[in-house]
Amino acid sequence: MPHELSPDFMQALRELMERVPTPFYAYDLRRVRAQTARYREAFAQARLFYAIKANPRLRLLEHLRAAGVGAETVSLGEVLRAYVAGYMLDEVVLNGPVKPPAALEELARAGVPTLVADGEDDLARIARYLPGARVLLRLNPDLPVDTHPHLATGRGDSQFGVLPEDWPGVFARGRELGLEMHGLHVHLGSNLNNPADFAARLEVLERLRVRVGRLEVLDLGGGFGLEMDPAALAPAMLALARRFGAELWVEPGRALVAEAGVLVARVWGFKETRRRYLLLDAGMTAFLRPALYGARPPVRPLYQASERATFDLAGPACESGDVLARDVELPVPREGDALAILEAGAYGGAMSLTYLDHPRPGEYAWDGERWEVWRRPEHLPDLWKDETDQPEYL
């Protein structure tokens, strides 16, 4: 069952609708704090790093750092964003399969976090540009995890990490290159709700341990689905880390923020073809996950009506894939009524686009008493401010 919005947050949303344009993202900061506390309690003997890509707003990062949570990043921009939010070098991990020379040179100037090397070429490049860097080597566990194919980063046919049979040799190569090889990183994928996937990963690592021996860090990534109980997973993960002689690191992202966020959109049209549609002012440019990953988020009305019907919710793009949800039973709205699309706190605002020259929505956080602006709504002239309206040549 989805996490339901609290009555006072629902009321605050209705009031915010009268003050800012739709569509917009809104976050219940209290839910972020509750989920963070839940994971910190489950993994009290581990270090937590928040996966910034889920929701990178600076004010959110500041709150999470104050709660003792580090930052897991996958790009130079995210590393610099974390530094702007106040993170120190040893509180940041940089992951990702491609680290171009220009990015490594910028890190040499801005400060070098812990790096996750994705393979032998990555190690060699890191050693060339950042000699002596602190490094974890990513393992591809070669497991068929139960999630959307685009999210299954731990499959053997994905582009990520080093296969188990090759990992010890590549790790040894990192030491030969003079890098501080601190340990192992593995990430199965995202939105994992099957405990068997986590158990299978531990089996792969247990077999690898015999060949690898002791490590300083065992980073088991994230991917915790909203249905997973971290307290049920933590004991086996901590026990494995102890057998490696390592400190356990974990990287929750969506699990901390998804349920805290909603996308609020207004209904501006009705359409009946072979299906019945509500036409919204938010679609795939505001919330890409349904089109990209097949996500079907829960939806709640921010209005009342006695008559009910079943609708598909379509956005303003001239594309048949611009559908946020299907077969949603709702009170029949009037033009201008608003809906709250739930579980939008992760990979919502973070993935919003300016495709079709749609400005990205504003983002706001509720602390129980007042709204805080996390990102101002984008304005149309900003979309072309970096373009030239006169010939310009190189």
Protein backbone atom coordinates (compact mmCIF):
# COMPACT_ATOMS: atom_id res chain seq x y z
CA MET A 1 0.00 0.00 0.00
CA PRO A 2 1.31 3.49 -0.80
CA HIS A 3 2.20 5.86 1.97
CA GLU A 4 -0.77 8.22 2.37
CA LEU A 5 -0.34 11.94 2.69
CA SER A 6 -1.13 13.40 6.09
CA PRO A 7 -4.29 15.57 6.31
CA ASP A 8 -2.32 18.68 7.23
CA PHE A 9 0.03 18.20 4.27
CA MET A 10 -2.99 17.80 1.97
CA GLN A 11 -4.43 21.04 3.32
CA ALA A 12 -1.09 22.78 2.91
CA LEU A 13 -1.01 21.62 -0.72
CA ARG A 14 -4.44 23.13 -1.37
CA GLU A 15 -3.27 26.43 0.08
CA LEU A 16 -0.01 26.36 -1.92
CA MET A 17 -2.01 25.86 -5.13
CA GLU A 18 -3.43 29.32 -4.67
CA ARG A 19 0.03 30.88 -4.38
CA VAL A 20 2.19 29.23 -7.05
CA PRO A 21 1.55 27.99 -10.60
CA THR A 22 0.94 24.37 -11.42
CA PRO A 23 2.50 22.00 -12.06
CA PHE A 24 4.80 22.00 -9.04
CA TYR A 25 6.61 19.54 -6.81
CA ALA A 26 5.96 19.58 -3.08
CA TYR A 27 7.79 17.66 -0.37
CA ASP A 28 6.84 16.80 3.19
CA LEU A 29 10.17 17.27 4.92
CA ARG A 30 8.88 15.36 7.93
CA ARG A 31 8.63 12.20 5.82
CA VAL A 32 12.23 12.64 4.63
CA ARG A 33 13.34 12.94 8.24
CA ALA A 34 11.34 9.87 9.28
CA GLN A 35 12.74 7.71 6.49
CA THR A 36 16.27 8.95 7.17
CA ALA A 37 15.91 8.08 10.85
CA ARG A 38 14.54 4.65 9.89
CA TYR A 39 17.57 3.85 7.74
CA ARG A 40 20.04 5.30 10.22
CA GLU A 41 18.55 3.11 12.93
CA ALA A 42 18.64 -0.03 10.76
CA PHE A 43 22.23 0.66 9.68
CA ALA A 44 23.50 2.18 12.91
CA GLN A 45 26.83 0.38 12.50
CA ALA A 46 27.29 1.49 8.87
CA ARG A 47 27.87 4.71 6.95
CA LEU A 48 24.99 6.05 4.86
CA PHE A 49 25.47 7.95 1.61
CA TYR A 50 22.42 9.47 -0.05
CA ALA A 51 22.19 8.86 -3.82
CA ILE A 52 21.93 12.48 -4.97
CA LYS A 53 20.48 11.61 -8.38
CA ALA A 54 17.16 10.74 -6.72
CA ASN A 55 16.61 14.38 -5.76
CA PRO A 56 19.53 16.83 -5.84
CA ARG A 57 18.00 19.97 -4.34
CA LEU A 58 20.59 21.84 -2.29
CA ARG A 59 18.35 22.43 0.71
CA LEU A 60 17.56 18.71 0.84
CA LEU A 61 21.27 17.89 0.82
CA GLU A 62 21.86 20.33 3.65
CA HIS A 63 19.16 18.63 5.74
CA LEU A 64 20.59 15.17 5.03
CA ARG A 65 24.14 16.20 5.84
CA ALA A 66 22.92 17.63 9.14
CA ALA A 67 21.38 14.20 9.83
CA GLY A 68 24.76 12.52 9.32
CA VAL A 69 24.18 11.16 5.81
CA GLY A 70 26.92 11.39 3.19
CA ALA A 71 26.51 11.97 -0.55
CA GLU A 72 26.80 9.41 -3.35
CA THR A 73 27.28 11.09 -6.71
CA VAL A 74 27.53 9.95 -10.33
CA SER A 75 28.88 13.04 -12.11
CA LEU A 76 31.26 15.94 -11.66
CA GLY A 77 28.27 18.26 -11.36
CA GLU A 78 26.82 16.26 -8.49
CA VAL A 79 30.17 16.27 -6.68
CA LEU A 80 30.38 20.05 -6.95
CA ARG A 81 26.74 20.34 -5.89
CA ALA A 82 27.54 18.29 -2.78
CA TYR A 83 30.46 20.60 -1.97
CA VAL A 84 28.17 23.63 -2.36
CA ALA A 85 25.78 21.99 0.12
CA GLY A 86 28.60 21.78 2.66
CA TYR A 87 29.88 18.23 2.25
CA MET A 88 33.54 17.50 2.98
CA LEU A 89 35.73 15.34 0.72
CA ASP A 90 35.47 12.24 2.93
CA GLU A 91 31.67 12.52 2.95
CA VAL A 92 31.32 12.16 -0.83
CA VAL A 93 31.57 9.13 -3.13
CA LEU A 94 31.80 9.52 -6.93
CA ASN A 95 30.46 6.58 -8.94
CA GLY A 96 29.72 6.19 -12.65
CA PRO A 97 31.19 4.34 -15.63
CA VAL A 98 32.73 7.35 -17.42
CA LYS A 99 35.12 9.83 -15.80
CA PRO A 100 36.61 11.94 -18.61
CA PRO A 101 40.01 13.60 -18.16
CA ALA A 102 38.40 17.04 -17.91
CA ALA A 103 36.27 15.88 -14.96
CA LEU A 104 39.25 14.38 -13.16
CA GLU A 105 41.26 17.56 -13.72
CA GLU A 106 38.45 19.61 -12.20
CA LEU A 107 38.37 17.27 -9.18
CA ALA A 108 42.10 17.83 -8.74
CA ARG A 109 41.29 21.53 -8.34
CA ALA A 110 38.03 21.27 -6.37
CA GLY A 111 38.89 18.31 -4.13
CA VAL A 112 38.94 14.56 -4.65
CA PRO A 113 36.20 12.45 -3.05
CA THR A 114 36.29 8.67 -2.72
CA LEU A 115 36.11 7.33 -6.27
CA VAL A 116 34.36 4.18 -7.47
CA ALA A 117 36.34 2.80 -10.40
CA ASP A 118 34.20 0.99 -12.94
CA GLY A 119 36.92 -1.03 -14.66
CA GLU A 120 40.59 -1.29 -15.56
CA ASP A 121 40.56 1.66 -17.99
CA ASP A 122 38.89 3.78 -15.34
CA LEU A 123 41.56 2.81 -12.81
CA ALA A 124 44.36 3.73 -15.20
CA ARG A 125 42.81 7.12 -15.94
CA ILE A 126 42.27 7.86 -12.24
CA ALA A 127 45.89 6.91 -11.49
CA ARG A 128 47.11 9.19 -14.29
CA TYR A 129 45.15 12.29 -13.26
CA LEU A 130 44.59 11.73 -9.52
CA PRO A 131 47.56 9.69 -8.24
CA GLY A 132 47.05 8.15 -4.83
CA ALA A 133 43.27 8.66 -4.87
CA ARG A 134 41.02 6.70 -2.52
CA VAL A 135 39.22 4.10 -4.66
CA LEU A 136 36.58 1.39 -4.46
CA LEU A 137 36.30 -1.04 -7.38
CA ARG A 138 32.81 -1.75 -8.64
CA LEU A 139 31.70 -5.37 -8.94
CA ASN A 140 29.14 -6.51 -11.48
CA PRO A 141 27.49 -9.40 -9.60
CA ASP A 142 25.99 -10.90 -12.79
CA LEU A 143 22.55 -11.38 -11.25
CA PRO A 144 19.10 -11.23 -12.93
CA VAL A 145 17.44 -8.83 -10.50
CA ASP A 146 13.66 -8.37 -10.36
CA THR A 147 13.13 -4.82 -11.62
CA HIS A 148 12.64 -2.84 -14.83
CA PRO A 149 15.40 -3.64 -17.37
CA HIS A 150 16.55 0.00 -17.41
CA LEU A 151 17.16 -0.21 -13.65
CA ALA A 152 18.92 -3.61 -13.51
CA THR A 153 22.53 -2.39 -13.26
CA GLY A 154 23.72 -5.63 -11.63
CA ARG A 155 22.99 -7.84 -14.63
CA GLY A 156 26.00 -9.45 -16.30
CA ASP A 157 25.11 -7.86 -19.63
CA SER A 158 25.00 -4.31 -18.23
CA GLN A 159 27.79 -1.79 -18.80
CA PHE A 160 28.66 -1.48 -15.13
CA GLY A 161 31.47 -2.89 -13.02
CA VAL A 162 33.83 -5.84 -13.22
CA LEU A 163 32.59 -9.44 -13.34
CA PRO A 164 33.35 -11.62 -10.28
CA GLU A 165 35.92 -13.78 -12.05
CA ASP A 166 37.92 -10.68 -13.08
CA TRP A 167 37.49 -8.54 -9.98
CA PRO A 168 40.47 -9.74 -7.85
CA GLY A 169 42.95 -9.20 -10.69
CA VAL A 170 41.66 -5.73 -11.52
CA PHE A 171 41.69 -4.78 -7.82
CA ALA A 172 45.34 -5.88 -7.60
CA ARG A 173 46.08 -3.79 -10.69
CA GLY A 174 44.74 -0.71 -8.91
CA ARG A 175 47.28 -1.25 -6.12
CA GLU A 176 50.05 -1.66 -8.67
CA LEU A 177 49.06 1.74 -10.08
CA GLY A 178 49.62 3.33 -6.66
CA LEU A 179 45.97 3.95 -5.81
CA GLU A 180 44.58 3.59 -2.30
CA MET A 181 42.32 0.60 -2.99
CA HIS A 182 39.93 0.73 -0.05
CA GLY A 183 37.39 -1.88 -1.05
CA LEU A 184 34.49 -3.09 -3.11
CA HIS A 185 31.36 -1.42 -4.44
CA VAL A 186 28.33 -3.27 -5.78
CA HIS A 187 24.91 -1.98 -6.79
CA LEU A 188 22.22 -4.39 -7.94
CA GLY A 189 19.85 -1.84 -9.44
CA SER A 190 16.97 0.36 -8.38
CA ASN A 191 13.48 -0.15 -6.99
CA LEU A 192 14.21 -3.66 -5.66
CA ASN A 193 11.40 -5.15 -3.58
CA ASN A 194 12.36 -8.83 -3.68
CA PRO A 195 14.50 -9.90 -0.68
CA ALA A 196 15.85 -12.78 -2.78
CA ASP A 197 17.82 -10.28 -4.89
CA PHE A 198 19.66 -8.99 -1.83
CA ALA A 199 20.29 -12.54 -0.59
CA ALA A 200 21.71 -13.60 -3.96
CA ARG A 201 24.15 -10.67 -3.89
CA LEU A 202 25.45 -11.75 -0.49
CA GLU A 203 26.08 -15.26 -1.86
CA VAL A 204 28.14 -13.85 -4.73
CA LEU A 205 30.17 -11.74 -2.33
CA GLU A 206 30.72 -14.63 0.08
CA ARG A 207 32.24 -16.69 -2.73
CA LEU A 208 34.39 -13.73 -3.76
CA ARG A 209 35.60 -13.15 -0.20
CA VAL A 210 37.58 -16.39 -0.24
CA ARG A 211 39.66 -15.02 -3.13
CA VAL A 212 39.87 -11.40 -1.98
CA GLY A 213 40.45 -11.51 1.77
CA ARG A 214 40.08 -8.46 3.99
CA LEU A 215 38.89 -5.08 2.71
CA GLU A 216 38.54 -1.71 4.41
CA VAL A 217 35.15 -0.85 2.87
CA LEU A 218 32.26 -2.96 1.60
CA ASP A 219 29.84 -0.62 -0.20
CA LEU A 220 26.62 -2.49 -0.99
CA GLY A 221 24.96 0.39 -2.82
CA GLY A 222 21.25 1.08 -2.62
CA GLY A 223 18.23 0.12 -4.67
CA PHE A 224 15.95 -0.35 -1.67
CA GLY A 225 12.36 -0.48 -2.91
CA LEU A 226 9.65 1.29 -0.99
CA GLU A 227 8.26 -2.05 0.19
CA MET A 228 11.57 -3.20 1.67
CA ASP A 229 12.22 -3.10 5.41
CA PRO A 230 15.82 -1.98 5.96
CA ALA A 231 15.84 -3.52 9.43
CA ALA A 232 15.22 -6.94 7.86
CA LEU A 233 18.13 -6.54 5.41
CA ALA A 234 20.73 -4.91 7.64
CA PRO A 235 21.84 -7.85 9.85
CA ALA A 236 23.01 -10.05 6.97
CA MET A 237 24.72 -7.11 5.27
CA LEU A 238 26.52 -6.11 8.45
CA ALA A 239 27.55 -9.70 9.12
CA LEU A 240 29.07 -10.01 5.67
CA ALA A 241 30.99 -6.77 6.14
CA ARG A 242 32.41 -8.13 9.40
CA ARG A 243 33.59 -11.27 7.61
CA PHE A 244 35.42 -9.02 5.15
CA GLY A 245 36.84 -7.07 8.09
CA ALA A 246 35.28 -4.04 6.43
CA GLU A 247 33.16 -1.03 7.29
CA LEU A 248 29.74 -1.30 5.65
CA TRP A 249 28.54 1.56 3.42
CA VAL A 250 25.05 1.75 1.93
CA GLU A 251 23.53 4.26 -0.49
CA PRO A 252 19.77 4.74 -0.14
CA GLY A 253 18.27 7.28 -2.51
CA ARG A 254 14.67 6.83 -3.59
CA ALA A 255 13.88 5.12 -0.28
CA LEU A 256 14.54 8.35 1.64
CA VAL A 257 12.64 10.82 -0.53
CA ALA A 258 10.12 9.21 -2.91
CA GLU A 259 7.18 9.05 -0.52
CA ALA A 260 7.80 12.60 0.71
CA GLY A 261 7.12 14.15 -2.68
CA VAL A 262 4.11 14.80 -4.87
CA LEU A 263 3.62 16.40 -8.25
CA VAL A 264 0.57 18.66 -8.26
CA ALA A 265 -1.14 19.17 -11.62
CA ARG A 266 -4.44 20.68 -12.72
CA VAL A 267 -7.03 19.14 -15.03
CA TRP A 268 -7.60 21.27 -18.12
CA GLY A 269 -9.45 18.92 -20.39
CA PHE A 270 -11.48 15.75 -20.87
CA LYS A 271 -11.14 13.44 -23.84
CA GLU A 272 -12.89 10.21 -24.75
CA THR A 273 -11.51 8.14 -27.65
CA ARG A 274 -11.42 4.39 -27.11
CA ARG A 275 -10.29 5.36 -23.63
CA ARG A 276 -11.31 8.13 -21.25
CA TYR A 277 -8.64 10.75 -20.49
CA LEU A 278 -8.06 13.63 -18.15
CA LEU A 279 -5.69 16.12 -19.78
CA LEU A 280 -3.26 17.67 -17.30
CA ASP A 281 -0.81 20.56 -17.33
CA ALA A 282 1.95 18.12 -16.26
CA GLY A 283 3.25 15.22 -18.28
CA MET A 284 6.45 13.49 -19.29
CA THR A 285 8.53 16.68 -19.30
CA ALA A 286 7.67 17.25 -15.63
CA PHE A 287 7.67 13.59 -14.55
CA LEU A 288 9.57 11.24 -16.84
CA ARG A 289 9.49 8.01 -14.82
CA PRO A 290 6.17 6.68 -16.21
CA ALA A 291 7.37 7.04 -19.80
CA LEU A 292 10.94 5.89 -19.13
CA TYR A 293 10.45 3.10 -16.58
CA GLY A 294 6.77 2.23 -16.85
CA ALA A 295 6.13 3.59 -13.35
CA ARG A 296 2.47 3.91 -12.33
CA PRO A 297 2.33 6.22 -9.34
CA PRO A 298 -0.64 6.46 -7.00
CA VAL A 299 -2.88 9.50 -7.54
CA ARG A 300 -5.03 11.39 -5.06
CA PRO A 301 -7.59 14.14 -5.76
CA LEU A 302 -7.23 17.56 -4.17
CA TYR A 303 -10.95 18.24 -4.70
CA GLN A 304 -14.27 16.61 -3.86
CA ALA A 305 -17.06 15.32 -6.08
CA SER A 306 -19.77 12.72 -5.63
CA GLU A 307 -19.63 11.07 -9.07
CA ARG A 308 -16.70 8.75 -9.80
CA ALA A 309 -15.18 7.40 -13.01
CA THR A 310 -12.01 5.73 -14.29
CA PHE A 311 -9.50 7.78 -16.28
CA ASP A 312 -6.10 7.72 -17.90
CA LEU A 313 -4.02 10.79 -17.05
CA ALA A 314 -2.31 12.36 -20.07
CA GLY A 315 0.04 15.30 -20.30
CA PRO A 316 0.36 18.15 -22.81
CA ALA A 317 3.03 16.60 -25.06
CA CYS A 318 2.01 15.59 -28.56
CA GLU A 319 3.21 12.04 -27.93
CA SER A 320 1.14 8.96 -27.17
CA GLY A 321 3.64 7.97 -24.49
CA ASP A 322 2.81 11.06 -22.43
CA VAL A 323 0.59 9.22 -19.95
CA LEU A 324 1.31 9.50 -16.24
CA ALA A 325 -1.14 6.84 -15.07
CA ARG A 326 -3.82 4.54 -16.45
CA ASP A 327 -7.11 3.20 -15.10
CA VAL A 328 -7.21 5.57 -12.14
CA GLU A 329 -10.57 5.75 -10.35
CA LEU A 330 -11.25 9.33 -9.26
CA PRO A 331 -14.08 11.68 -8.40
CA VAL A 332 -15.08 13.36 -11.65
CA PRO A 333 -13.23 16.69 -11.64
CA ARG A 334 -14.15 20.08 -12.98
CA GLU A 335 -11.81 22.09 -15.15
CA GLY A 336 -9.06 23.51 -12.95
CA ASP A 337 -9.31 20.88 -10.21
CA ALA A 338 -5.98 19.46 -9.09
CA LEU A 339 -4.47 16.03 -8.55
CA ALA A 340 -1.54 14.96 -6.38
CA ILE A 341 0.66 12.35 -8.04
CA LEU A 342 2.36 10.44 -5.25
CA GLU A 343 5.82 8.88 -4.86
CA ALA A 344 7.26 11.73 -6.93
CA GLY A 345 9.94 12.83 -4.48
CA ALA A 346 12.58 10.77 -6.32
CA TYR A 347 13.46 11.01 -10.01
CA GLY A 348 10.73 13.59 -10.47
CA GLY A 349 12.08 17.12 -10.35
CA ALA A 350 15.56 15.64 -10.80
CA MET A 351 14.64 14.31 -14.26
CA SER A 352 12.33 17.12 -15.39
CA LEU A 353 13.02 18.37 -18.91
CA THR A 354 12.66 21.47 -21.02
CA TYR A 355 11.64 19.37 -24.02
CA LEU A 356 8.96 21.17 -26.07
CA ASP A 357 10.04 24.37 -24.31
CA HIS A 358 8.13 23.46 -21.17
CA PRO A 359 9.67 25.25 -18.16
CA ARG A 360 10.59 22.97 -15.29
CA PRO A 361 8.25 23.11 -12.28
CA GLY A 362 8.94 24.87 -9.03
CA GLU A 363 9.76 22.77 -5.97
CA TYR A 364 8.70 23.49 -2.38
CA ALA A 365 9.13 21.80 1.00
CA TRP A 366 6.71 21.79 3.95
CA ASP A 367 8.13 21.47 7.47
CA GLY A 368 4.76 21.32 9.21
CA GLU A 369 4.46 25.07 9.60
CA ARG A 370 5.59 26.83 6.43
CA TRP A 371 6.67 26.31 2.84
CA GLU A 372 10.29 26.68 1.82
CA VAL A 373 11.32 27.29 -1.79
CA TRP A 374 13.71 24.56 -2.96
CA ARG A 375 13.73 25.53 -6.63
CA ARG A 376 11.95 28.45 -8.21
CA PRO A 377 9.78 27.68 -11.25
CA GLU A 378 11.60 28.16 -14.50
CA HIS A 379 10.48 30.99 -16.80
CA LEU A 380 10.15 30.76 -20.55
CA PRO A 381 12.84 33.33 -21.49
CA ASP A 382 15.36 31.30 -19.49
CA LEU A 383 14.95 28.41 -21.92
CA TRP A 384 16.65 30.25 -24.76
CA LYS A 385 18.94 32.65 -22.89
CA ASP A 386 22.04 30.62 -23.85
CA GLU A 387 21.15 30.54 -27.55
CA THR A 388 22.34 33.09 -30.08
CA ASP A 389 19.87 35.09 -32.16
CA GLN A 390 22.69 36.37 -34.39
CA PRO A 391 25.30 34.39 -36.36
CA GLU A 392 28.15 33.23 -34.14
CA TYR A 393 31.07 31.16 -35.44
CA LEU A 394 34.02 29.33 -34.01
